[in-house]
């Protein structure tokens, strides 16, 4: 059996911090982000975009970017909103959520941008 390694992170080093399971993966490129948005839409979930300053991203409150994209079926429209959020808040972390309105819960919530990267680059 392979030994499990500790992921070294520090409050002093914002780039070392992780926020959720998928944040341990490399930054999403454009194709992977497109696939994620397509998945959210295909499941019938409502896409929503949130952002936060890195120093506050560990808390439970993130800012909502506009309103959730109710009934949005265009992957490109959602990606355009992600890019607009990043242009407006380049130093913030950004996450994409898919709200499942039937179960009244989040179907997914993935950090898609960390400062120092371009979302979907």
PDB file of N, CA and C in Angstrom:
ATOM      1  N   UNK A   1       0.838  -1.183   0.000  1.00  0.00           N
ATOM      2  CA  UNK A   1       0.000   0.000   0.000  1.00  0.00           C
ATOM      3  C   UNK A   1       0.881   1.245   0.000  1.00  0.00           C
ATOM      4  N   UNK A   2       0.488   2.233  -0.739  1.00  0.00           N
ATOM      5  CA  UNK A   2       1.230   3.478  -0.831  1.00  0.00           C
ATOM      6  C   UNK A   2       0.962   4.346   0.388  1.00  0.00           C
ATOM      7  N   UNK A   3       1.994   4.977   0.889  1.00  0.00           N
ATOM      8  CA  UNK A   3       1.836   5.868   2.040  1.00  0.00           C
ATOM      9  C   UNK A   3       1.127   7.147   1.606  1.00  0.00           C
ATOM     10  N   UNK A   4       0.214   7.609   2.423  1.00  0.00           N
ATOM     11  CA  UNK A   4      -0.494   8.858   2.158  1.00  0.00           C
ATOM     12  C   UNK A   4       0.368   9.998   2.667  1.00  0.00           C
ATOM     13  N   UNK A   5       0.552  11.011   1.826  1.00  0.00           N
ATOM     14  CA  UNK A   5       1.405  12.131   2.190  1.00  0.00           C
ATOM     15  C   UNK A   5       0.572  13.309   2.659  1.00  0.00           C
ATOM     16  N   UNK A   6       1.134  14.064   3.567  1.00  0.00           N
ATOM     17  CA  UNK A   6       0.508  15.282   4.042  1.00  0.00           C
ATOM     18  C   UNK A   6       0.716  16.363   2.988  1.00  0.00           C
ATOM     19  N   UNK A   7      -0.334  17.143   2.727  1.00  0.00           N
ATOM     20  CA  UNK A   7      -0.189  18.279   1.818  1.00  0.00           C
ATOM     21  C   UNK A   7       0.217  19.480   2.658  1.00  0.00           C
ATOM     22  N   UNK A   8       1.379  19.999   2.412  1.00  0.00           N
ATOM     23  CA  UNK A   8       1.892  21.115   3.206  1.00  0.00           C
ATOM     24  C   UNK A   8       1.201  22.411   2.789  1.00  0.00           C
ATOM     25  N   UNK A   9       0.541  23.020   3.748  1.00  0.00           N
ATOM     26  CA  UNK A   9      -0.115  24.305   3.490  1.00  0.00           C
ATOM     27  C   UNK A   9       0.123  25.212   4.685  1.00  0.00           C
ATOM     28  N   UNK A  10      -0.060  26.500   4.448  1.00  0.00           N
ATOM     29  CA  UNK A  10       0.229  27.482   5.478  1.00  0.00           C
ATOM     30  C   UNK A  10      -0.705  28.668   5.339  1.00  0.00           C
ATOM     31  N   UNK A  11      -1.104  29.232   6.466  1.00  0.00           N
ATOM     32  CA  UNK A  11      -1.914  30.449   6.417  1.00  0.00           C
ATOM     33  C   UNK A  11      -1.109  31.616   5.879  1.00  0.00           C
ATOM     34  N   UNK A  12       0.215  31.565   6.016  1.00  0.00           N
ATOM     35  CA  UNK A  12       1.080  32.641   5.535  1.00  0.00           C
ATOM     36  C   UNK A  12       1.298  32.591   4.020  1.00  0.00           C
ATOM     37  N   UNK A  13       1.037  31.461   3.412  1.00  0.00           N
ATOM     38  CA  UNK A  13       1.257  31.291   1.975  1.00  0.00           C
ATOM     39  C   UNK A  13      -0.079  31.009   1.298  1.00  0.00           C
ATOM     40  N   UNK A  14      -0.688  32.069   0.728  1.00  0.00           N
ATOM     41  CA  UNK A  14      -2.022  31.938   0.128  1.00  0.00           C
ATOM     42  C   UNK A  14      -2.035  30.924  -1.014  1.00  0.00           C
ATOM     43  N   UNK A  15      -0.942  30.778  -1.737  1.00  0.00           N
ATOM     44  CA  UNK A  15      -0.916  29.846  -2.870  1.00  0.00           C
ATOM     45  C   UNK A  15      -0.916  28.387  -2.410  1.00  0.00           C
ATOM     46  N   UNK A  16      -0.567  28.133  -1.152  1.00  0.00           N
ATOM     47  CA  UNK A  16      -0.526  26.755  -0.667  1.00  0.00           C
ATOM     48  C   UNK A  16      -1.878  26.301  -0.125  1.00  0.00           C
ATOM     49  N   UNK A  17      -2.796  27.211   0.116  1.00  0.00           N
ATOM     50  CA  UNK A  17      -4.080  26.854   0.716  1.00  0.00           C
ATOM     51  C   UNK A  17      -4.971  26.139  -0.289  1.00  0.00           C
ATOM     52  N   UNK A  18      -5.794  25.233   0.221  1.00  0.00           N
ATOM     53  CA  UNK A  18      -6.711  24.477  -0.614  1.00  0.00           C
ATOM     54  C   UNK A  18      -8.126  24.652  -0.090  1.00  0.00           C
ATOM     55  N   UNK A  19      -9.075  24.703  -1.020  1.00  0.00           N
ATOM     56  CA  UNK A  19     -10.470  24.966  -0.686  1.00  0.00           C
ATOM     57  C   UNK A  19     -11.353  23.919  -1.335  1.00  0.00           C
ATOM     58  N   UNK A  20     -11.530  22.799  -0.691  1.00  0.00           N
ATOM     59  CA  UNK A  20     -12.369  21.741  -1.221  1.00  0.00           C
ATOM     60  C   UNK A  20     -11.563  20.694  -1.962  1.00  0.00           C
ATOM     61  N   UNK A  21     -12.184  19.579  -2.205  1.00  0.00           N
ATOM     62  CA  UNK A  21     -11.530  18.420  -2.794  1.00  0.00           C
ATOM     63  C   UNK A  21     -10.849  18.729  -4.119  1.00  0.00           C
ATOM     64  N   UNK A  22     -11.549  19.386  -5.037  1.00  0.00           N
ATOM     65  CA  UNK A  22     -10.994  19.588  -6.367  1.00  0.00           C
ATOM     66  C   UNK A  22      -9.897  20.643  -6.408  1.00  0.00           C
ATOM     67  N   UNK A  23      -9.732  21.423  -5.357  1.00  0.00           N
ATOM     68  CA  UNK A  23      -8.693  22.450  -5.369  1.00  0.00           C
ATOM     69  C   UNK A  23      -7.292  21.858  -5.259  1.00  0.00           C
ATOM     70  N   UNK A  24      -7.191  20.554  -4.976  1.00  0.00           N
ATOM     71  CA  UNK A  24      -5.883  19.904  -4.954  1.00  0.00           C
ATOM     72  C   UNK A  24      -5.412  19.549  -6.358  1.00  0.00           C
ATOM     73  N   UNK A  25      -6.294  19.618  -7.314  1.00  0.00           N
ATOM     74  CA  UNK A  25      -5.950  19.327  -8.702  1.00  0.00           C
ATOM     75  C   UNK A  25      -5.320  20.555  -9.351  1.00  0.00           C
ATOM     76  N   UNK A  26      -4.603  20.366 -10.470  1.00  0.00           N
ATOM     77  CA  UNK A  26      -4.056  21.526 -11.181  1.00  0.00           C
ATOM     78  C   UNK A  26      -5.181  22.465 -11.637  1.00  0.00           C
ATOM     79  N   UNK A  27      -4.811  23.713 -11.902  1.00  0.00           N
ATOM     80  CA  UNK A  27      -5.776  24.710 -12.387  1.00  0.00           C
ATOM     81  C   UNK A  27      -6.483  24.178 -13.637  1.00  0.00           C
ATOM     82  N   UNK A  28      -7.780  24.449 -13.742  1.00  0.00           N
ATOM     83  CA  UNK A  28      -8.554  23.981 -14.898  1.00  0.00           C
ATOM     84  C   UNK A  28      -8.182  24.765 -16.147  1.00  0.00           C
ATOM     85  N   UNK A  29      -7.960  24.051 -17.239  1.00  0.00           N
ATOM     86  CA  UNK A  29      -7.758  24.729 -18.509  1.00  0.00           C
ATOM     87  C   UNK A  29      -9.134  24.955 -19.146  1.00  0.00           C
ATOM     88  N   UNK A  30      -9.151  25.610 -20.298  1.00  0.00           N
ATOM     89  CA  UNK A  30     -10.412  25.956 -20.956  1.00  0.00           C
ATOM     90  C   UNK A  30     -11.283  24.757 -21.279  1.00  0.00           C
ATOM     91  N   UNK A  31     -10.672  23.671 -21.741  1.00  0.00           N
ATOM     92  CA  UNK A  31     -11.447  22.484 -22.117  1.00  0.00           C
ATOM     93  C   UNK A  31     -12.090  21.830 -20.894  1.00  0.00           C
ATOM     94  N   UNK A  32     -11.365  21.748 -19.799  1.00  0.00           N
ATOM     95  CA  UNK A  32     -11.922  21.129 -18.583  1.00  0.00           C
ATOM     96  C   UNK A  32     -13.019  21.999 -17.971  1.00  0.00           C
ATOM     97  N   UNK A  33     -12.825  23.310 -17.986  1.00  0.00           N
ATOM     98  CA  UNK A  33     -13.850  24.204 -17.468  1.00  0.00           C
ATOM     99  C   UNK A  33     -15.115  24.110 -18.318  1.00  0.00           C
ATOM    100  N   UNK A  34     -14.945  24.044 -19.623  1.00  0.00           N
ATOM    101  CA  UNK A  34     -16.092  23.894 -20.530  1.00  0.00           C
ATOM    102  C   UNK A  34     -16.829  22.580 -20.235  1.00  0.00           C
ATOM    103  N   UNK A  35     -16.082  21.507 -20.002  1.00  0.00           N
ATOM    104  CA  UNK A  35     -16.690  20.215 -19.690  1.00  0.00           C
ATOM    105  C   UNK A  35     -17.468  20.287 -18.376  1.00  0.00           C
ATOM    106  N   UNK A  36     -16.920  20.969 -17.377  1.00  0.00           N
ATOM    107  CA  UNK A  36     -17.612  21.123 -16.098  1.00  0.00           C
ATOM    108  C   UNK A  36     -18.914  21.893 -16.265  1.00  0.00           C
ATOM    109  N   UNK A  37     -18.871  23.003 -16.996  1.00  0.00           N
ATOM    110  CA  UNK A  37     -20.085  23.804 -17.213  1.00  0.00           C
ATOM    111  C   UNK A  37     -21.111  22.991 -18.000  1.00  0.00           C
ATOM    112  N   UNK A  38     -20.666  22.258 -19.000  1.00  0.00           N
ATOM    113  CA  UNK A  38     -21.563  21.416 -19.785  1.00  0.00           C
ATOM    114  C   UNK A  38     -22.232  20.364 -18.891  1.00  0.00           C
ATOM    115  N   UNK A  39     -21.471  19.794 -17.967  1.00  0.00           N
ATOM    116  CA  UNK A  39     -22.009  18.800 -17.039  1.00  0.00           C
ATOM    117  C   UNK A  39     -23.100  19.413 -16.153  1.00  0.00           C
ATOM    118  N   UNK A  40     -22.823  20.595 -15.602  1.00  0.00           N
ATOM    119  CA  UNK A  40     -23.795  21.282 -14.742  1.00  0.00           C
ATOM    120  C   UNK A  40     -25.091  21.519 -15.510  1.00  0.00           C
ATOM    121  N   UNK A  41     -24.979  22.001 -16.739  1.00  0.00           N
ATOM    122  CA  UNK A  41     -26.165  22.289 -17.553  1.00  0.00           C
ATOM    123  C   UNK A  41     -26.889  20.996 -17.941  1.00  0.00           C
ATOM    124  N   UNK A  42     -26.126  19.972 -18.315  1.00  0.00           N
ATOM    125  CA  UNK A  42     -26.742  18.696 -18.715  1.00  0.00           C
ATOM    126  C   UNK A  42     -27.520  18.052 -17.566  1.00  0.00           C
ATOM    127  N   UNK A  43     -27.073  18.262 -16.323  1.00  0.00           N
ATOM    128  CA  UNK A  43     -27.782  17.729 -15.163  1.00  0.00           C
ATOM    129  C   UNK A  43     -29.057  18.516 -14.850  1.00  0.00           C
ATOM    130  N   UNK A  44     -29.234  19.666 -15.517  1.00  0.00           N
ATOM    131  CA  UNK A  44     -30.404  20.500 -15.252  1.00  0.00           C
ATOM    132  C   UNK A  44     -30.217  21.410 -14.045  1.00  0.00           C
ATOM    133  N   UNK A  45     -28.977  21.527 -13.573  1.00  0.00           N
ATOM    134  CA  UNK A  45     -28.686  22.369 -12.424  1.00  0.00           C
ATOM    135  C   UNK A  45     -28.563  23.826 -12.850  1.00  0.00           C
ATOM    136  N   UNK A  46     -28.751  24.736 -11.923  1.00  0.00           N
ATOM    137  CA  UNK A  46     -28.610  26.168 -12.175  1.00  0.00           C
ATOM    138  C   UNK A  46     -27.174  26.580 -11.875  1.00  0.00           C
ATOM    139  N   UNK A  47     -26.444  27.071 -12.886  1.00  0.00           N
ATOM    140  CA  UNK A  47     -25.077  27.524 -12.633  1.00  0.00           C
ATOM    141  C   UNK A  47     -25.090  28.829 -11.833  1.00  0.00           C
ATOM    142  N   UNK A  48     -24.134  28.961 -10.941  1.00  0.00           N
ATOM    143  CA  UNK A  48     -23.944  30.195 -10.181  1.00  0.00           C
ATOM    144  C   UNK A  48     -22.445  30.403  -9.984  1.00  0.00           C
ATOM    145  N   UNK A  49     -22.046  31.656  -9.934  1.00  0.00           N
ATOM    146  CA  UNK A  49     -20.633  32.011  -9.799  1.00  0.00           C
ATOM    147  C   UNK A  49     -20.475  32.828  -8.522  1.00  0.00           C
ATOM    148  N   UNK A  50     -19.482  32.480  -7.727  1.00  0.00           N
ATOM    149  CA  UNK A  50     -19.159  33.229  -6.519  1.00  0.00           C
ATOM    150  C   UNK A  50     -17.679  33.584  -6.534  1.00  0.00           C
ATOM    151  N   UNK A  51     -17.317  34.624  -5.775  1.00  0.00           N
ATOM    152  CA  UNK A  51     -15.922  35.038  -5.687  1.00  0.00           C
ATOM    153  C   UNK A  51     -15.622  35.529  -4.278  1.00  0.00           C
ATOM    154  N   UNK A  52     -14.334  35.486  -3.910  1.00  0.00           N
ATOM    155  CA  UNK A  52     -13.920  35.910  -2.578  1.00  0.00           C
ATOM    156  C   UNK A  52     -12.448  36.284  -2.602  1.00  0.00           C
ATOM    157  N   UNK A  53     -12.074  37.175  -1.692  1.00  0.00           N
ATOM    158  CA  UNK A  53     -10.665  37.475  -1.499  1.00  0.00           C
ATOM    159  C   UNK A  53      -9.991  36.212  -0.961  1.00  0.00           C
ATOM    160  N   UNK A  54      -8.752  35.935  -1.394  1.00  0.00           N
ATOM    161  CA  UNK A  54      -8.083  34.710  -0.933  1.00  0.00           C
ATOM    162  C   UNK A  54      -7.989  34.607   0.586  1.00  0.00           C
ATOM    163  N   UNK A  55      -7.774  35.720   1.260  1.00  0.00           N
ATOM    164  CA  UNK A  55      -7.628  35.663   2.717  1.00  0.00           C
ATOM    165  C   UNK A  55      -8.937  35.340   3.439  1.00  0.00           C
ATOM    166  N   UNK A  56     -10.071  35.485   2.742  1.00  0.00           N
ATOM    167  CA  UNK A  56     -11.369  35.175   3.347  1.00  0.00           C
ATOM    168  C   UNK A  56     -12.032  33.936   2.736  1.00  0.00           C
ATOM    169  N   UNK A  57     -11.364  33.297   1.790  1.00  0.00           N
ATOM    170  CA  UNK A  57     -11.977  32.180   1.059  1.00  0.00           C
ATOM    171  C   UNK A  57     -12.214  30.948   1.934  1.00  0.00           C
ATOM    172  N   UNK A  58     -11.541  30.840   3.049  1.00  0.00           N
ATOM    173  CA  UNK A  58     -11.749  29.708   3.933  1.00  0.00           C
ATOM    174  C   UNK A  58     -13.021  29.819   4.753  1.00  0.00           C
ATOM    175  N   UNK A  59     -13.626  30.989   4.765  1.00  0.00           N
ATOM    176  CA  UNK A  59     -14.866  31.192   5.498  1.00  0.00           C
ATOM    177  C   UNK A  59     -16.062  30.699   4.700  1.00  0.00           C
ATOM    178  N   UNK A  60     -17.209  30.822   5.283  1.00  0.00           N
ATOM    179  CA  UNK A  60     -18.408  30.301   4.622  1.00  0.00           C
ATOM    180  C   UNK A  60     -19.080  31.314   3.707  1.00  0.00           C
ATOM    181  N   UNK A  61     -18.664  32.577   3.743  1.00  0.00           N
ATOM    182  CA  UNK A  61     -19.332  33.598   2.935  1.00  0.00           C
ATOM    183  C   UNK A  61     -18.485  33.988   1.740  1.00  0.00           C
ATOM    184  N   UNK A  62     -19.009  33.794   0.548  1.00  0.00           N
ATOM    185  CA  UNK A  62     -18.415  34.276  -0.687  1.00  0.00           C
ATOM    186  C   UNK A  62     -19.433  35.218  -1.317  1.00  0.00           C
ATOM    187  N   UNK A  63     -18.974  36.132  -2.162  1.00  0.00           N
ATOM    188  CA  UNK A  63     -19.864  37.074  -2.842  1.00  0.00           C
ATOM    189  C   UNK A  63     -20.488  36.396  -4.060  1.00  0.00           C
ATOM    190  N   UNK A  64     -21.772  36.602  -4.255  1.00  0.00           N
ATOM    191  CA  UNK A  64     -22.452  36.070  -5.439  1.00  0.00           C
ATOM    192  C   UNK A  64     -22.157  37.003  -6.616  1.00  0.00           C
ATOM    193  N   UNK A  65     -21.752  36.441  -7.745  1.00  0.00           N
ATOM    194  CA  UNK A  65     -21.581  37.222  -8.969  1.00  0.00           C
ATOM    195  C   UNK A  65     -22.939  37.282  -9.659  1.00  0.00           C
ATOM    196  N   UNK A  66     -23.530  38.436  -9.649  1.00  0.00           N
ATOM    197  CA  UNK A  66     -24.868  38.630 -10.204  1.00  0.00           C
ATOM    198  C   UNK A  66     -25.836  37.652  -9.539  1.00  0.00           C
ATOM    199  N   UNK A  67     -26.856  37.242 -10.242  1.00  0.00           N
ATOM    200  CA  UNK A  67     -27.789  36.241  -9.739  1.00  0.00           C
ATOM    201  C   UNK A  67     -27.414  34.886 -10.328  1.00  0.00           C
ATOM    202  N   UNK A  68     -27.874  33.782  -9.744  1.00  0.00           N
ATOM    203  CA  UNK A  68     -27.658  32.493 -10.408  1.00  0.00           C
ATOM    204  C   UNK A  68     -28.220  32.545 -11.827  1.00  0.00           C
ATOM    205  N   UNK A  69     -27.646  31.792 -12.712  1.00  0.00           N
ATOM    206  CA  UNK A  69     -28.014  31.830 -14.132  1.00  0.00           C
ATOM    207  C   UNK A  69     -29.185  30.876 -14.388  1.00  0.00           C
ATOM    208  N   UNK A  70     -30.350  31.256 -13.858  1.00  0.00           N
ATOM    209  CA  UNK A  70     -31.550  30.433 -13.963  1.00  0.00           C
ATOM    210  C   UNK A  70     -31.882  30.134 -15.419  1.00  0.00           C
ATOM    211  N   UNK A  71     -32.155  28.883 -15.727  1.00  0.00           N
ATOM    212  CA  UNK A  71     -32.581  28.417 -17.048  1.00  0.00           C
ATOM    213  C   UNK A  71     -31.544  28.669 -18.145  1.00  0.00           C
ATOM    214  N   UNK A  72     -30.311  28.942 -17.782  1.00  0.00           N
ATOM    215  CA  UNK A  72     -29.272  29.157 -18.794  1.00  0.00           C
ATOM    216  C   UNK A  72     -28.850  27.813 -19.362  1.00  0.00           C
ATOM    217  N   UNK A  73     -28.915  27.667 -20.677  1.00  0.00           N
ATOM    218  CA  UNK A  73     -28.571  26.415 -21.336  1.00  0.00           C
ATOM    219  C   UNK A  73     -27.331  26.552 -22.218  1.00  0.00           C
ATOM    220  N   UNK A  74     -26.734  27.741 -22.252  1.00  0.00           N
ATOM    221  CA  UNK A  74     -25.571  27.985 -23.097  1.00  0.00           C
ATOM    222  C   UNK A  74     -24.286  27.925 -22.271  1.00  0.00           C
ATOM    223  N   UNK A  75     -23.407  27.001 -22.630  1.00  0.00           N
ATOM    224  CA  UNK A  75     -22.110  26.889 -21.964  1.00  0.00           C
ATOM    225  C   UNK A  75     -21.323  28.178 -22.163  1.00  0.00           C
ATOM    226  N   UNK A  76     -21.365  28.733 -23.380  1.00  0.00           N
ATOM    227  CA  UNK A  76     -20.612  29.953 -23.670  1.00  0.00           C
ATOM    228  C   UNK A  76     -21.081  31.136 -22.828  1.00  0.00           C
ATOM    229  N   UNK A  77     -22.386  31.237 -22.577  1.00  0.00           N
ATOM    230  CA  UNK A  77     -22.904  32.329 -21.753  1.00  0.00           C
ATOM    231  C   UNK A  77     -22.380  32.224 -20.322  1.00  0.00           C
ATOM    232  N   UNK A  78     -22.317  31.012 -19.784  1.00  0.00           N
ATOM    233  CA  UNK A  78     -21.788  30.820 -18.429  1.00  0.00           C
ATOM    234  C   UNK A  78     -20.292  31.145 -18.406  1.00  0.00           C
ATOM    235  N   UNK A  79     -19.551  30.672 -19.398  1.00  0.00           N
ATOM    236  CA  UNK A  79     -18.117  30.960 -19.460  1.00  0.00           C
ATOM    237  C   UNK A  79     -17.858  32.454 -19.608  1.00  0.00           C
ATOM    238  N   UNK A  80     -18.701  33.153 -20.345  1.00  0.00           N
ATOM    239  CA  UNK A  80     -18.569  34.609 -20.471  1.00  0.00           C
ATOM    240  C   UNK A  80     -18.745  35.288 -19.116  1.00  0.00           C
ATOM    241  N   UNK A  81     -19.661  34.798 -18.303  1.00  0.00           N
ATOM    242  CA  UNK A  81     -19.864  35.356 -16.962  1.00  0.00           C
ATOM    243  C   UNK A  81     -18.671  35.073 -16.054  1.00  0.00           C
ATOM    244  N   UNK A  82     -18.077  33.888 -16.183  1.00  0.00           N
ATOM    245  CA  UNK A  82     -16.871  33.569 -15.406  1.00  0.00           C
ATOM    246  C   UNK A  82     -15.766  34.553 -15.764  1.00  0.00           C
ATOM    247  N   UNK A  83     -15.580  34.800 -17.055  1.00  0.00           N
ATOM    248  CA  UNK A  83     -14.539  35.737 -17.504  1.00  0.00           C
ATOM    249  C   UNK A  83     -14.835  37.158 -17.038  1.00  0.00           C
ATOM    250  N   UNK A  84     -16.101  37.564 -17.067  1.00  0.00           N
ATOM    251  CA  UNK A  84     -16.484  38.905 -16.610  1.00  0.00           C
ATOM    252  C   UNK A  84     -16.215  39.065 -15.115  1.00  0.00           C
ATOM    253  N   UNK A  85     -16.511  38.037 -14.348  1.00  0.00           N
ATOM    254  CA  UNK A  85     -16.238  38.060 -12.911  1.00  0.00           C
ATOM    255  C   UNK A  85     -14.736  38.206 -12.671  1.00  0.00           C
ATOM    256  N   UNK A  86     -13.941  37.468 -13.428  1.00  0.00           N
ATOM    257  CA  UNK A  86     -12.488  37.546 -13.270  1.00  0.00           C
ATOM    258  C   UNK A  86     -11.952  38.923 -13.669  1.00  0.00           C
ATOM    259  N   UNK A  87     -12.489  39.506 -14.727  1.00  0.00           N
ATOM    260  CA  UNK A  87     -12.054  40.857 -15.132  1.00  0.00           C
ATOM    261  C   UNK A  87     -12.358  41.879 -14.040  1.00  0.00           C
ATOM    262  N   UNK A  88     -13.521  41.752 -13.427  1.00  0.00           N
ATOM    263  CA  UNK A  88     -13.950  42.693 -12.385  1.00  0.00           C
ATOM    264  C   UNK A  88     -13.201  42.477 -11.067  1.00  0.00           C
ATOM    265  N   UNK A  89     -12.831  41.231 -10.777  1.00  0.00           N
ATOM    266  CA  UNK A  89     -12.176  40.881  -9.505  1.00  0.00           C
ATOM    267  C   UNK A  89     -10.959  39.983  -9.770  1.00  0.00           C
ATOM    268  N   UNK A  90      -9.908  40.515 -10.407  1.00  0.00           N
ATOM    269  CA  UNK A  90      -8.777  39.671 -10.817  1.00  0.00           C
ATOM    270  C   UNK A  90      -8.005  39.032  -9.660  1.00  0.00           C
ATOM    271  N   UNK A  91      -8.054  39.604  -8.474  1.00  0.00           N
ATOM    272  CA  UNK A  91      -7.325  39.050  -7.348  1.00  0.00           C
ATOM    273  C   UNK A  91      -8.141  38.109  -6.481  1.00  0.00           C
ATOM    274  N   UNK A  92      -9.360  37.824  -6.898  1.00  0.00           N
ATOM    275  CA  UNK A  92     -10.244  36.966  -6.104  1.00  0.00           C
ATOM    276  C   UNK A  92     -10.211  35.521  -6.579  1.00  0.00           C
ATOM    277  N   UNK A  93     -10.592  34.641  -5.676  1.00  0.00           N
ATOM    278  CA  UNK A  93     -10.834  33.248  -6.042  1.00  0.00           C
ATOM    279  C   UNK A  93     -12.250  33.179  -6.602  1.00  0.00           C
ATOM    280  N   UNK A  94     -12.468  32.276  -7.545  1.00  0.00           N
ATOM    281  CA  UNK A  94     -13.785  32.129  -8.171  1.00  0.00           C
ATOM    282  C   UNK A  94     -14.180  30.663  -8.110  1.00  0.00           C
ATOM    283  N   UNK A  95     -15.444  30.429  -7.811  1.00  0.00           N
ATOM    284  CA  UNK A  95     -15.938  29.054  -7.833  1.00  0.00           C
ATOM    285  C   UNK A  95     -17.247  28.994  -8.605  1.00  0.00           C
ATOM    286  N   UNK A  96     -17.478  27.829  -9.181  1.00  0.00           N
ATOM    287  CA  UNK A  96     -18.699  27.559  -9.941  1.00  0.00           C
ATOM    288  C   UNK A  96     -19.525  26.567  -9.154  1.00  0.00           C
ATOM    289  N   UNK A  97     -20.796  26.875  -9.021  1.00  0.00           N
ATOM    290  CA  UNK A  97     -21.717  25.968  -8.343  1.00  0.00           C
ATOM    291  C   UNK A  97     -22.814  25.564  -9.303  1.00  0.00           C
ATOM    292  N   UNK A  98     -23.353  24.404  -9.070  1.00  0.00           N
ATOM    293  CA  UNK A  98     -24.534  23.942  -9.782  1.00  0.00           C
ATOM    294  C   UNK A  98     -25.601  23.629  -8.752  1.00  0.00           C
ATOM    295  N   UNK A  99     -26.658  24.436  -8.718  1.00  0.00           N
ATOM    296  CA  UNK A  99     -27.741  24.220  -7.764  1.00  0.00           C
ATOM    297  C   UNK A  99     -28.754  23.229  -8.334  1.00  0.00           C
ATOM    298  N   UNK A 100     -29.059  22.223  -7.560  1.00  0.00           N
ATOM    299  CA  UNK A 100     -30.073  21.233  -7.926  1.00  0.00           C
ATOM    300  C   UNK A 100     -31.394  21.698  -7.321  1.00  0.00           C
ATOM    301  N   UNK A 101     -32.269  22.253  -8.154  1.00  0.00           N
ATOM    302  CA  UNK A 101     -33.510  22.828  -7.619  1.00  0.00           C
ATOM    303  C   UNK A 101     -34.501  21.755  -7.154  1.00  0.00           C
ATOM    304  N   UNK A 102     -34.380  20.540  -7.644  1.00  0.00           N
ATOM    305  CA  UNK A 102     -35.282  19.477  -7.170  1.00  0.00           C
ATOM    306  C   UNK A 102     -34.929  19.027  -5.756  1.00  0.00           C
ATOM    307  N   UNK A 103     -33.660  18.902  -5.485  1.00  0.00           N
ATOM    308  CA  UNK A 103     -33.219  18.471  -4.152  1.00  0.00           C
ATOM    309  C   UNK A 103     -32.959  19.650  -3.213  1.00  0.00           C
ATOM    310  N   UNK A 104     -33.007  20.870  -3.746  1.00  0.00           N
ATOM    311  CA  UNK A 104     -32.778  22.081  -2.965  1.00  0.00           C
ATOM    312  C   UNK A 104     -31.401  22.063  -2.285  1.00  0.00           C
ATOM    313  N   UNK A 105     -30.380  21.752  -3.081  1.00  0.00           N
ATOM    314  CA  UNK A 105     -29.015  21.689  -2.560  1.00  0.00           C
ATOM    315  C   UNK A 105     -28.029  21.962  -3.690  1.00  0.00           C
ATOM    316  N   UNK A 106     -26.760  22.047  -3.356  1.00  0.00           N
ATOM    317  CA  UNK A 106     -25.727  22.180  -4.373  1.00  0.00           C
ATOM    318  C   UNK A 106     -25.429  20.810  -4.953  1.00  0.00           C
ATOM    319  N   UNK A 107     -25.465  20.712  -6.273  1.00  0.00           N
ATOM    320  CA  UNK A 107     -25.060  19.484  -6.929  1.00  0.00           C
ATOM    321  C   UNK A 107     -23.550  19.402  -7.029  1.00  0.00           C
ATOM    322  N   UNK A 108     -22.919  20.569  -7.195  1.00  0.00           N
ATOM    323  CA  UNK A 108     -21.466  20.654  -7.243  1.00  0.00           C
ATOM    324  C   UNK A 108     -21.031  22.049  -6.848  1.00  0.00           C
ATOM    325  N   UNK A 109     -19.813  22.144  -6.377  1.00  0.00           N
ATOM    326  CA  UNK A 109     -19.195  23.425  -6.046  1.00  0.00           C
ATOM    327  C   UNK A 109     -17.693  23.240  -6.220  1.00  0.00           C
ATOM    328  N   UNK A 110     -17.119  23.899  -7.234  1.00  0.00           N
ATOM    329  CA  UNK A 110     -15.726  23.676  -7.585  1.00  0.00           C
ATOM    330  C   UNK A 110     -15.004  25.015  -7.707  1.00  0.00           C
ATOM    331  N   UNK A 111     -13.865  25.138  -7.032  1.00  0.00           N
ATOM    332  CA  UNK A 111     -13.019  26.321  -7.196  1.00  0.00           C
ATOM    333  C   UNK A 111     -12.401  26.250  -8.583  1.00  0.00           C
ATOM    334  N   UNK A 112     -12.684  27.259  -9.407  1.00  0.00           N
ATOM    335  CA  UNK A 112     -12.214  27.220 -10.795  1.00  0.00           C
ATOM    336  C   UNK A 112     -11.124  28.231 -11.084  1.00  0.00           C
ATOM    337  N   UNK A 113     -10.860  29.127 -10.123  1.00  0.00           N
ATOM    338  CA  UNK A 113      -9.800  30.118 -10.333  1.00  0.00           C
ATOM    339  C   UNK A 113      -9.166  30.481  -9.002  1.00  0.00           C
ATOM    340  N   UNK A 114      -7.847  30.488  -9.002  1.00  0.00           N
ATOM    341  CA  UNK A 114      -7.077  30.994  -7.874  1.00  0.00           C
ATOM    342  C   UNK A 114      -6.234  32.153  -8.388  1.00  0.00           C
ATOM    343  N   UNK A 115      -5.981  33.181  -7.576  1.00  0.00           N
ATOM    344  CA  UNK A 115      -5.172  34.310  -8.044  1.00  0.00           C
ATOM    345  C   UNK A 115      -3.844  33.849  -8.643  1.00  0.00           C
ATOM    346  N   UNK A 116      -3.432  34.543  -9.672  1.00  0.00           N
ATOM    347  CA  UNK A 116      -2.205  34.172 -10.365  1.00  0.00           C
ATOM    348  C   UNK A 116      -2.473  33.294 -11.583  1.00  0.00           C
ATOM    349  N   UNK A 117      -3.736  32.903 -11.791  1.00  0.00           N
ATOM    350  CA  UNK A 117      -4.118  32.093 -12.947  1.00  0.00           C
ATOM    351  C   UNK A 117      -5.281  32.788 -13.649  1.00  0.00           C
ATOM    352  N   UNK A 118      -5.460  32.490 -14.894  1.00  0.00           N
ATOM    353  CA  UNK A 118      -6.638  32.948 -15.631  1.00  0.00           C
ATOM    354  C   UNK A 118      -7.616  31.801 -15.700  1.00  0.00           C
ATOM    355  N   UNK A 119      -8.911  32.030 -15.386  1.00  0.00           N
ATOM    356  CA  UNK A 119      -9.869  30.928 -15.450  1.00  0.00           C
ATOM    357  C   UNK A 119     -10.027  30.431 -16.879  1.00  0.00           C
ATOM    358  N   UNK A 120      -9.889  29.147 -17.051  1.00  0.00           N
ATOM    359  CA  UNK A 120     -10.087  28.553 -18.368  1.00  0.00           C
ATOM    360  C   UNK A 120      -8.994  28.880 -19.356  1.00  0.00           C
ATOM    361  N   UNK A 121      -7.799  29.236 -18.863  1.00  0.00           N
ATOM    362  CA  UNK A 121      -6.703  29.591 -19.772  1.00  0.00           C
ATOM    363  C   UNK A 121      -6.172  28.376 -20.484  1.00  0.00           C
TER     364      UNK A 121
END
